[in-house]
Amino acid sequence: MILMYPKINPIALKLGPLTIHWYGLAYVAGILLGWRYAIWLINKKPLKITAQNFTDFIAFATLGIVLGGRFGHALFYAPLYYFHKPWEILFLWQPGMSFHGGFLGFLAVSIWFCRKHRLSFLELMDLAACTSSIGIFFGRIANFINGELWGRPTGKTWGMIFPHVDALPRHPSQLYEAATEGLLLFLTFFLLERFTSWRQKYCGLFAGLFSIGYSLARIVVECFREPDQEIGYLFWGTTLGQWLTLPLLLVGIGLAVLAHRKVFTHDAV
């Protein structure tokens, strides 16, 4: 049995000249729900960062994620195209976002914000570890709605034929990523927050664990995801996404080890 792609309209709503896409709504939902969840965590187990601090941070975080995602896509996946048309990097309505670029943009904005307001960078990253998977979940669902970032051909019964590629059944890898990088990571940190005091006791541990968890999920799911056509496979059948994720995995391991040894404090800027 082969599953057919449901052919969901990527446009959620049209109001005259205004066109609202599911992809844009996914970003809005991820940011708003992540913000509200972070506020709930802060009020439930308060540390140095206040609810107002995090609210002030959200707009800058959004800017860092979006611009970083666009620049990352241009740099990692389509450098020649954007070299000749650099202004199109700022065409935010066009497809093309890189998680790794968005992550770097988020880090840069976070460092600046924490230095400006004399807040603990790792405490902020621990909060982000609890909430980021919400945005990742909605983003991957939006990828599925758009019929993009499909998986490799498969003979499995859940293989799906996507409209923008060929007639071969393929892994719905967007849903794999939504389930692992999104739902599974969210539930993991929800349970850790519910039944442990690790975020309060080990500053930076959640940030390290998130980096490890996301990296492992991404590296595994990349084995089922079709690599970008412009790049293809790299060494030993690996993909660019796996190589970009490897440094994040190593940093996450180091950060988790140091955090467990209580090298960092919530007072550090």
C-alpha atoms as a PDB file:
ATOM      1  CA  MET A   1       0.000   0.000   0.000  1.00  0.00           C
ATOM      2  CA  ILE A   2       1.388   3.390  -1.038  1.00  0.00           C
ATOM      3  CA  LEU A   3       0.279   6.576   0.677  1.00  0.00           C
ATOM      4  CA  MET A   4      -0.495   9.585  -1.485  1.00  0.00           C
ATOM      5  CA  TYR A   5       0.598  13.008  -0.356  1.00  0.00           C
ATOM      6  CA  PRO A   6      -2.556  14.852   0.810  1.00  0.00           C
ATOM      7  CA  LYS A   7      -1.784  17.929  -1.367  1.00  0.00           C
ATOM      8  CA  ILE A   8      -2.494  20.526   1.269  1.00  0.00           C
ATOM      9  CA  ASN A   9      -2.616  24.075  -0.055  1.00  0.00           C
ATOM     10  CA  PRO A  10       0.503  25.857   1.283  1.00  0.00           C
ATOM     11  CA  ILE A  11      -1.565  29.051   1.435  1.00  0.00           C
ATOM     12  CA  ALA A  12      -3.578  29.083   4.638  1.00  0.00           C
ATOM     13  CA  LEU A  13      -5.531  32.271   3.987  1.00  0.00           C
ATOM     14  CA  LYS A  14      -5.881  35.058   1.430  1.00  0.00           C
ATOM     15  CA  LEU A  15      -7.235  38.454   2.448  1.00  0.00           C
ATOM     16  CA  GLY A  16      -7.228  40.618  -0.650  1.00  0.00           C
ATOM     17  CA  PRO A  17      -3.576  41.267  -1.549  1.00  0.00           C
ATOM     18  CA  LEU A  18      -2.418  39.625   1.695  1.00  0.00           C
ATOM     19  CA  THR A  19      -1.367  35.979   1.389  1.00  0.00           C
ATOM     20  CA  ILE A  20      -0.734  34.002   4.572  1.00  0.00           C
ATOM     21  CA  HIS A  21       1.223  30.759   4.197  1.00  0.00           C
ATOM     22  CA  TRP A  22       1.240  27.832   6.592  1.00  0.00           C
ATOM     23  CA  TYR A  23       5.023  28.184   6.792  1.00  0.00           C
ATOM     24  CA  GLY A  24       4.706  31.700   8.178  1.00  0.00           C
ATOM     25  CA  LEU A  25       2.004  30.601  10.597  1.00  0.00           C
ATOM     26  CA  ALA A  26       4.297  27.801  11.776  1.00  0.00           C
ATOM     27  CA  TYR A  27       6.940  30.353  12.763  1.00  0.00           C
ATOM     28  CA  VAL A  28       4.363  32.507  14.539  1.00  0.00           C
ATOM     29  CA  ALA A  29       2.909  29.519  16.404  1.00  0.00           C
ATOM     30  CA  GLY A  30       6.335  28.204  17.407  1.00  0.00           C
ATOM     31  CA  ILE A  31       7.525  31.573  18.703  1.00  0.00           C
ATOM     32  CA  LEU A  32       4.321  32.477  20.562  1.00  0.00           C
ATOM     33  CA  LEU A  33       3.835  29.056  22.156  1.00  0.00           C
ATOM     34  CA  GLY A  34       7.533  28.838  23.022  1.00  0.00           C
ATOM     35  CA  TRP A  35       7.380  32.285  24.628  1.00  0.00           C
ATOM     36  CA  ARG A  36       4.298  31.434  26.708  1.00  0.00           C
ATOM     37  CA  TYR A  37       5.806  28.114  27.796  1.00  0.00           C
ATOM     38  CA  ALA A  38       9.055  29.827  28.798  1.00  0.00           C
ATOM     39  CA  ILE A  39       7.118  32.364  30.875  1.00  0.00           C
ATOM     40  CA  TRP A  40       5.326  29.492  32.598  1.00  0.00           C
ATOM     41  CA  LEU A  41       8.657  27.801  33.362  1.00  0.00           C
ATOM     42  CA  ILE A  42      10.152  31.025  34.710  1.00  0.00           C
ATOM     43  CA  ASN A  43       7.190  31.650  37.010  1.00  0.00           C
ATOM     44  CA  LYS A  44       7.116  28.021  38.137  1.00  0.00           C
ATOM     45  CA  LYS A  45      10.833  27.751  38.948  1.00  0.00           C
ATOM     46  CA  PRO A  46      12.273  31.290  39.011  1.00  0.00           C
ATOM     47  CA  LEU A  47      16.012  31.885  38.649  1.00  0.00           C
ATOM     48  CA  LYS A  48      17.855  35.040  37.569  1.00  0.00           C
ATOM     49  CA  ILE A  49      16.062  35.669  34.269  1.00  0.00           C
ATOM     50  CA  THR A  50      12.616  37.207  34.747  1.00  0.00           C
ATOM     51  CA  ALA A  51       9.503  36.887  32.621  1.00  0.00           C
ATOM     52  CA  GLN A  52      10.003  40.478  31.467  1.00  0.00           C
ATOM     53  CA  ASN A  53      13.593  39.707  30.446  1.00  0.00           C
ATOM     54  CA  PHE A  54      12.418  36.845  28.266  1.00  0.00           C
ATOM     55  CA  THR A  55       9.567  38.859  26.785  1.00  0.00           C
ATOM     56  CA  ASP A  56      12.014  41.610  25.810  1.00  0.00           C
ATOM     57  CA  PHE A  57      14.260  38.965  24.271  1.00  0.00           C
ATOM     58  CA  ILE A  58      11.664  37.356  21.984  1.00  0.00           C
ATOM     59  CA  ALA A  59      11.661  40.017  19.252  1.00  0.00           C
ATOM     60  CA  PHE A  60      15.460  39.924  18.972  1.00  0.00           C
ATOM     61  CA  ALA A  61      15.443  36.116  18.999  1.00  0.00           C
ATOM     62  CA  THR A  62      12.936  36.056  16.144  1.00  0.00           C
ATOM     63  CA  LEU A  63      15.092  38.427  14.107  1.00  0.00           C
ATOM     64  CA  GLY A  64      18.196  36.323  14.728  1.00  0.00           C
ATOM     65  CA  ILE A  65      16.468  33.077  13.775  1.00  0.00           C
ATOM     66  CA  VAL A  66      14.914  34.408  10.563  1.00  0.00           C
ATOM     67  CA  LEU A  67      17.936  36.324   9.280  1.00  0.00           C
ATOM     68  CA  GLY A  68      20.337  33.606  10.393  1.00  0.00           C
ATOM     69  CA  GLY A  69      18.194  30.981   8.702  1.00  0.00           C
ATOM     70  CA  ARG A  70      18.190  32.894   5.421  1.00  0.00           C
ATOM     71  CA  PHE A  71      21.913  33.686   5.471  1.00  0.00           C
ATOM     72  CA  GLY A  72      22.672  30.107   6.492  1.00  0.00           C
ATOM     73  CA  HIS A  73      20.646  28.746   3.584  1.00  0.00           C
ATOM     74  CA  ALA A  74      22.497  31.052   1.200  1.00  0.00           C
ATOM     75  CA  LEU A  75      25.919  30.159   2.599  1.00  0.00           C
ATOM     76  CA  PHE A  76      25.508  26.408   3.110  1.00  0.00           C
ATOM     77  CA  TYR A  77      23.123  25.317   0.369  1.00  0.00           C
ATOM     78  CA  ALA A  78      23.051  27.850  -2.496  1.00  0.00           C
ATOM     79  CA  PRO A  79      26.182  30.054  -2.341  1.00  0.00           C
ATOM     80  CA  LEU A  80      26.565  30.452  -6.109  1.00  0.00           C
ATOM     81  CA  TYR A  81      22.956  31.481  -6.619  1.00  0.00           C
ATOM     82  CA  TYR A  82      23.018  34.109  -3.883  1.00  0.00           C
ATOM     83  CA  PHE A  83      26.477  35.297  -4.895  1.00  0.00           C
ATOM     84  CA  HIS A  84      24.895  36.569  -8.099  1.00  0.00           C
ATOM     85  CA  LYS A  85      21.644  37.672  -6.424  1.00  0.00           C
ATOM     86  CA  PRO A  86      22.588  38.615  -2.835  1.00  0.00           C
ATOM     87  CA  TRP A  87      19.563  40.863  -2.387  1.00  0.00           C
ATOM     88  CA  GLU A  88      17.286  37.825  -2.570  1.00  0.00           C
ATOM     89  CA  ILE A  89      18.616  36.670   0.800  1.00  0.00           C
ATOM     90  CA  LEU A  90      16.265  39.262   2.289  1.00  0.00           C
ATOM     91  CA  PHE A  91      13.266  37.969   0.310  1.00  0.00           C
ATOM     92  CA  LEU A  92      11.789  36.284   3.368  1.00  0.00           C
ATOM     93  CA  TRP A  93       8.720  35.102   1.478  1.00  0.00           C
ATOM     94  CA  GLN A  94      10.842  32.842  -0.709  1.00  0.00           C
ATOM     95  CA  PRO A  95      11.573  29.250   0.402  1.00  0.00           C
ATOM     96  CA  GLY A  96      14.929  28.467   1.935  1.00  0.00           C
ATOM     97  CA  MET A  97      15.759  28.371   5.646  1.00  0.00           C
ATOM     98  CA  SER A  98      18.655  26.620   7.365  1.00  0.00           C
ATOM     99  CA  PHE A  99      18.301  25.330  10.919  1.00  0.00           C
ATOM    100  CA  HIS A 100      22.029  25.687  11.487  1.00  0.00           C
ATOM    101  CA  GLY A 101      22.014  29.268  10.213  1.00  0.00           C
ATOM    102  CA  GLY A 102      19.014  30.105  12.377  1.00  0.00           C
ATOM    103  CA  PHE A 103      20.750  28.504  15.340  1.00  0.00           C
ATOM    104  CA  LEU A 104      23.878  30.624  14.822  1.00  0.00           C
ATOM    105  CA  GLY A 105      21.763  33.754  14.429  1.00  0.00           C
ATOM    106  CA  PHE A 106      19.921  32.903  17.636  1.00  0.00           C
ATOM    107  CA  LEU A 107      23.221  32.376  19.470  1.00  0.00           C
ATOM    108  CA  ALA A 108      24.619  35.711  18.279  1.00  0.00           C
ATOM    109  CA  VAL A 109      21.518  37.611  19.384  1.00  0.00           C
ATOM    110  CA  SER A 110      21.447  35.746  22.713  1.00  0.00           C
ATOM    111  CA  ILE A 111      25.072  36.611  23.504  1.00  0.00           C
ATOM    112  CA  TRP A 112      24.455  40.272  22.672  1.00  0.00           C
ATOM    113  CA  PHE A 113      21.242  40.415  24.736  1.00  0.00           C
ATOM    114  CA  CYS A 114      22.794  38.751  27.786  1.00  0.00           C
ATOM    115  CA  ARG A 115      25.833  41.028  27.731  1.00  0.00           C
ATOM    116  CA  LYS A 116      23.637  44.105  27.343  1.00  0.00           C
ATOM    117  CA  HIS A 117      21.367  43.158  30.245  1.00  0.00           C
ATOM    118  CA  ARG A 118      23.980  41.304  32.320  1.00  0.00           C
ATOM    119  CA  LEU A 119      22.123  38.010  32.290  1.00  0.00           C
ATOM    120  CA  SER A 120      23.375  34.438  32.349  1.00  0.00           C
ATOM    121  CA  PHE A 121      23.793  33.228  28.775  1.00  0.00           C
ATOM    122  CA  LEU A 122      23.611  29.552  29.734  1.00  0.00           C
ATOM    123  CA  GLU A 123      20.506  30.082  31.849  1.00  0.00           C
ATOM    124  CA  LEU A 124      18.855  31.585  28.791  1.00  0.00           C
ATOM    125  CA  MET A 125      20.043  28.646  26.679  1.00  0.00           C
ATOM    126  CA  ASP A 126      18.568  26.206  29.195  1.00  0.00           C
ATOM    127  CA  LEU A 127      15.195  27.911  28.789  1.00  0.00           C
ATOM    128  CA  ALA A 128      15.595  27.796  25.022  1.00  0.00           C
ATOM    129  CA  ALA A 129      16.326  24.065  25.250  1.00  0.00           C
ATOM    130  CA  CYS A 130      12.908  23.536  26.837  1.00  0.00           C
ATOM    131  CA  THR A 131      11.054  25.594  24.233  1.00  0.00           C
ATOM    132  CA  SER A 132      12.916  25.349  20.904  1.00  0.00           C
ATOM    133  CA  SER A 133      11.474  21.966  19.989  1.00  0.00           C
ATOM    134  CA  ILE A 134       8.021  23.585  19.777  1.00  0.00           C
ATOM    135  CA  GLY A 135       9.144  25.746  16.877  1.00  0.00           C
ATOM    136  CA  ILE A 136      11.005  22.858  15.265  1.00  0.00           C
ATOM    137  CA  PHE A 137       7.850  20.726  15.396  1.00  0.00           C
ATOM    138  CA  PHE A 138       5.688  23.313  13.654  1.00  0.00           C
ATOM    139  CA  GLY A 139       8.434  24.103  11.157  1.00  0.00           C
ATOM    140  CA  ARG A 140       8.731  20.469  10.064  1.00  0.00           C
ATOM    141  CA  ILE A 141       4.960  20.144   9.779  1.00  0.00           C
ATOM    142  CA  ALA A 142       5.045  23.206   7.517  1.00  0.00           C
ATOM    143  CA  ASN A 143       7.762  21.525   5.421  1.00  0.00           C
ATOM    144  CA  PHE A 144       5.405  18.576   4.992  1.00  0.00           C
ATOM    145  CA  ILE A 145       2.504  20.842   4.018  1.00  0.00           C
ATOM    146  CA  ASN A 146       4.727  22.507   1.420  1.00  0.00           C
ATOM    147  CA  GLY A 147       5.725  19.099   0.053  1.00  0.00           C
ATOM    148  CA  GLU A 148       9.429  19.912   0.442  1.00  0.00           C
ATOM    149  CA  LEU A 149      12.458  18.245   2.051  1.00  0.00           C
ATOM    150  CA  TRP A 150      11.061  14.819   1.216  1.00  0.00           C
ATOM    151  CA  GLY A 151      12.800  11.560   2.051  1.00  0.00           C
ATOM    152  CA  ARG A 152      14.663   8.942   0.070  1.00  0.00           C
ATOM    153  CA  PRO A 153      12.826   6.276  -1.961  1.00  0.00           C
ATOM    154  CA  THR A 154      11.472   3.402   0.126  1.00  0.00           C
ATOM    155  CA  GLY A 155       9.517   0.195  -0.247  1.00  0.00           C
ATOM    156  CA  LYS A 156       7.927   0.534   3.191  1.00  0.00           C
ATOM    157  CA  THR A 157       4.146   0.595   3.441  1.00  0.00           C
ATOM    158  CA  TRP A 158       4.215   4.144   4.772  1.00  0.00           C
ATOM    159  CA  GLY A 159       6.150   5.417   1.769  1.00  0.00           C
ATOM    160  CA  MET A 160       4.509   8.487   0.264  1.00  0.00           C
ATOM    161  CA  ILE A 161       4.473   9.892  -3.273  1.00  0.00           C
ATOM    162  CA  PHE A 162       5.224  13.618  -3.208  1.00  0.00           C
ATOM    163  CA  PRO A 163       3.978  15.880  -6.020  1.00  0.00           C
ATOM    164  CA  HIS A 164       7.129  17.891  -6.740  1.00  0.00           C
ATOM    165  CA  VAL A 165       9.626  15.101  -7.336  1.00  0.00           C
ATOM    166  CA  ASP A 166       8.847  11.765  -9.062  1.00  0.00           C
ATOM    167  CA  ALA A 167       6.434   8.845  -8.816  1.00  0.00           C
ATOM    168  CA  LEU A 168       8.559   6.903  -6.328  1.00  0.00           C
ATOM    169  CA  PRO A 169       7.243   6.333  -2.788  1.00  0.00           C
ATOM    170  CA  ARG A 170       9.493   8.148  -0.353  1.00  0.00           C
ATOM    171  CA  HIS A 171      10.032   8.436   3.380  1.00  0.00           C
ATOM    172  CA  PRO A 172       7.963  11.289   4.862  1.00  0.00           C
ATOM    173  CA  SER A 173      11.144  12.499   6.543  1.00  0.00           C
ATOM    174  CA  GLN A 174       9.565  15.821   7.507  1.00  0.00           C
ATOM    175  CA  LEU A 175       7.245  13.894   9.822  1.00  0.00           C
ATOM    176  CA  TYR A 176      10.175  11.882  11.196  1.00  0.00           C
ATOM    177  CA  GLU A 177      11.888  15.145  12.117  1.00  0.00           C
ATOM    178  CA  ALA A 178       8.703  16.618  13.579  1.00  0.00           C
ATOM    179  CA  ALA A 179       8.335  13.506  15.755  1.00  0.00           C
ATOM    180  CA  THR A 180      11.966  13.276  16.925  1.00  0.00           C
ATOM    181  CA  GLU A 181      13.463  16.781  16.872  1.00  0.00           C
ATOM    182  CA  GLY A 182      10.116  18.272  17.850  1.00  0.00           C
ATOM    183  CA  LEU A 183       7.735  16.108  19.845  1.00  0.00           C
ATOM    184  CA  LEU A 184      10.226  13.685  21.412  1.00  0.00           C
ATOM    185  CA  LEU A 185      12.629  16.423  22.528  1.00  0.00           C
ATOM    186  CA  PHE A 186       9.786  18.514  23.925  1.00  0.00           C
ATOM    187  CA  LEU A 187       8.440  15.600  25.965  1.00  0.00           C
ATOM    188  CA  THR A 188      11.944  14.766  27.198  1.00  0.00           C
ATOM    189  CA  PHE A 189      12.569  18.239  28.575  1.00  0.00           C
ATOM    190  CA  PHE A 190       9.005  18.550  29.848  1.00  0.00           C
ATOM    191  CA  LEU A 191       9.516  15.411  31.944  1.00  0.00           C
ATOM    192  CA  LEU A 192      12.977  16.520  33.099  1.00  0.00           C
ATOM    193  CA  GLU A 193      11.520  19.858  34.154  1.00  0.00           C
ATOM    194  CA  ARG A 194       8.585  18.153  35.851  1.00  0.00           C
ATOM    195  CA  PHE A 195      10.461  15.501  37.823  1.00  0.00           C
ATOM    196  CA  THR A 196      13.964  16.914  38.358  1.00  0.00           C
ATOM    197  CA  SER A 197      15.621  20.145  39.433  1.00  0.00           C
ATOM    198  CA  TRP A 198      18.466  19.798  36.931  1.00  0.00           C
ATOM    199  CA  ARG A 199      17.818  23.162  35.255  1.00  0.00           C
ATOM    200  CA  GLN A 200      18.243  24.889  38.599  1.00  0.00           C
ATOM    201  CA  LYS A 201      21.074  22.689  39.847  1.00  0.00           C
ATOM    202  CA  TYR A 202      23.254  22.360  36.732  1.00  0.00           C
ATOM    203  CA  CYS A 203      23.473  25.589  34.753  1.00  0.00           C
ATOM    204  CA  GLY A 204      23.985  24.792  31.073  1.00  0.00           C
ATOM    205  CA  LEU A 205      23.038  21.111  31.314  1.00  0.00           C
ATOM    206  CA  PHE A 206      19.742  21.438  29.449  1.00  0.00           C
ATOM    207  CA  ALA A 207      21.486  23.389  26.686  1.00  0.00           C
ATOM    208  CA  GLY A 208      24.038  20.610  26.336  1.00  0.00           C
ATOM    209  CA  LEU A 209      21.425  17.859  26.401  1.00  0.00           C
ATOM    210  CA  PHE A 210      19.332  19.638  23.787  1.00  0.00           C
ATOM    211  CA  SER A 211      22.353  19.961  21.508  1.00  0.00           C
ATOM    212  CA  ILE A 212      23.045  16.247  21.906  1.00  0.00           C
ATOM    213  CA  GLY A 213      19.416  15.204  21.440  1.00  0.00           C
ATOM    214  CA  TYR A 214      18.807  17.357  18.392  1.00  0.00           C
ATOM    215  CA  SER A 215      22.101  16.330  16.812  1.00  0.00           C
ATOM    216  CA  LEU A 216      21.473  12.606  17.225  1.00  0.00           C
ATOM    217  CA  ALA A 217      17.927  12.918  15.883  1.00  0.00           C
ATOM    218  CA  ARG A 218      19.039  15.001  12.903  1.00  0.00           C
ATOM    219  CA  ILE A 219      21.963  12.731  12.028  1.00  0.00           C
ATOM    220  CA  VAL A 220      19.726   9.639  12.125  1.00  0.00           C
ATOM    221  CA  VAL A 221      16.821  11.162  10.181  1.00  0.00           C
ATOM    222  CA  GLU A 222      19.240  12.465   7.534  1.00  0.00           C
ATOM    223  CA  CYS A 223      19.759   8.783   6.661  1.00  0.00           C
ATOM    224  CA  PHE A 224      16.143   8.753   5.420  1.00  0.00           C
ATOM    225  CA  ARG A 225      16.030  12.265   3.950  1.00  0.00           C
ATOM    226  CA  GLU A 226      16.902  13.041   0.338  1.00  0.00           C
ATOM    227  CA  PRO A 227      19.941  15.345   0.257  1.00  0.00           C
ATOM    228  CA  ASP A 228      19.634  18.733  -1.414  1.00  0.00           C
ATOM    229  CA  GLN A 229      19.823  18.373  -5.193  1.00  0.00           C
ATOM    230  CA  GLU A 230      22.445  21.112  -5.516  1.00  0.00           C
ATOM    231  CA  ILE A 231      24.807  19.252  -3.171  1.00  0.00           C
ATOM    232  CA  GLY A 232      23.948  15.555  -3.156  1.00  0.00           C
ATOM    233  CA  TYR A 233      25.871  13.070  -1.042  1.00  0.00           C
ATOM    234  CA  LEU A 234      29.278  13.828   0.446  1.00  0.00           C
ATOM    235  CA  PHE A 235      31.940  11.507   1.888  1.00  0.00           C
ATOM    236  CA  TRP A 236      30.906   7.898   2.571  1.00  0.00           C
ATOM    237  CA  GLY A 237      27.293   8.599   1.653  1.00  0.00           C
ATOM    238  CA  THR A 238      26.888  11.290   4.301  1.00  0.00           C
ATOM    239  CA  THR A 239      25.002  14.562   3.834  1.00  0.00           C
ATOM    240  CA  LEU A 240      25.827  18.198   4.449  1.00  0.00           C
ATOM    241  CA  GLY A 241      23.191  18.309   7.185  1.00  0.00           C
ATOM    242  CA  GLN A 242      25.021  15.570   9.091  1.00  0.00           C
ATOM    243  CA  TRP A 243      28.377  17.336   8.829  1.00  0.00           C
ATOM    244  CA  LEU A 244      26.891  20.663   9.924  1.00  0.00           C
ATOM    245  CA  THR A 245      25.324  18.915  12.905  1.00  0.00           C
ATOM    246  CA  LEU A 246      28.494  17.153  14.069  1.00  0.00           C
ATOM    247  CA  PRO A 247      30.079  20.269  15.709  1.00  0.00           C
ATOM    248  CA  LEU A 248      26.814  20.886  17.569  1.00  0.00           C
ATOM    249  CA  LEU A 249      26.943  17.324  18.912  1.00  0.00           C
ATOM    250  CA  LEU A 250      30.534  17.708  20.130  1.00  0.00           C
ATOM    251  CA  VAL A 251      29.831  21.071  21.755  1.00  0.00           C
ATOM    252  CA  GLY A 252      26.733  19.624  23.407  1.00  0.00           C
ATOM    253  CA  ILE A 253      28.685  16.726  24.901  1.00  0.00           C
ATOM    254  CA  GLY A 254      31.370  19.049  26.248  1.00  0.00           C
ATOM    255  CA  LEU A 255      28.807  21.480  27.635  1.00  0.00           C
ATOM    256  CA  ALA A 256      26.805  18.731  29.347  1.00  0.00           C
ATOM    257  CA  VAL A 257      29.938  17.291  30.984  1.00  0.00           C
ATOM    258  CA  LEU A 258      31.092  20.686  32.254  1.00  0.00           C
ATOM    259  CA  ALA A 259      27.605  21.615  33.442  1.00  0.00           C
ATOM    260  CA  HIS A 260      27.281  18.365  35.382  1.00  0.00           C
ATOM    261  CA  ARG A 261      30.559  19.241  37.101  1.00  0.00           C
ATOM    262  CA  LYS A 262      28.984  22.587  38.074  1.00  0.00           C
ATOM    263  CA  VAL A 263      31.598  24.620  36.229  1.00  0.00           C
ATOM    264  CA  PHE A 264      28.975  27.272  35.368  1.00  0.00           C
ATOM    265  CA  THR A 265      26.760  29.369  37.638  1.00  0.00           C
ATOM    266  CA  HIS A 266      23.551  31.303  37.069  1.00  0.00           C
ATOM    267  CA  ASP A 267      25.399  34.514  37.920  1.00  0.00           C
ATOM    268  CA  ALA A 268      27.837  34.231  35.008  1.00  0.00           C
ATOM    269  CA  VAL A 269      27.317  36.737  32.208  1.00  0.00           C
END
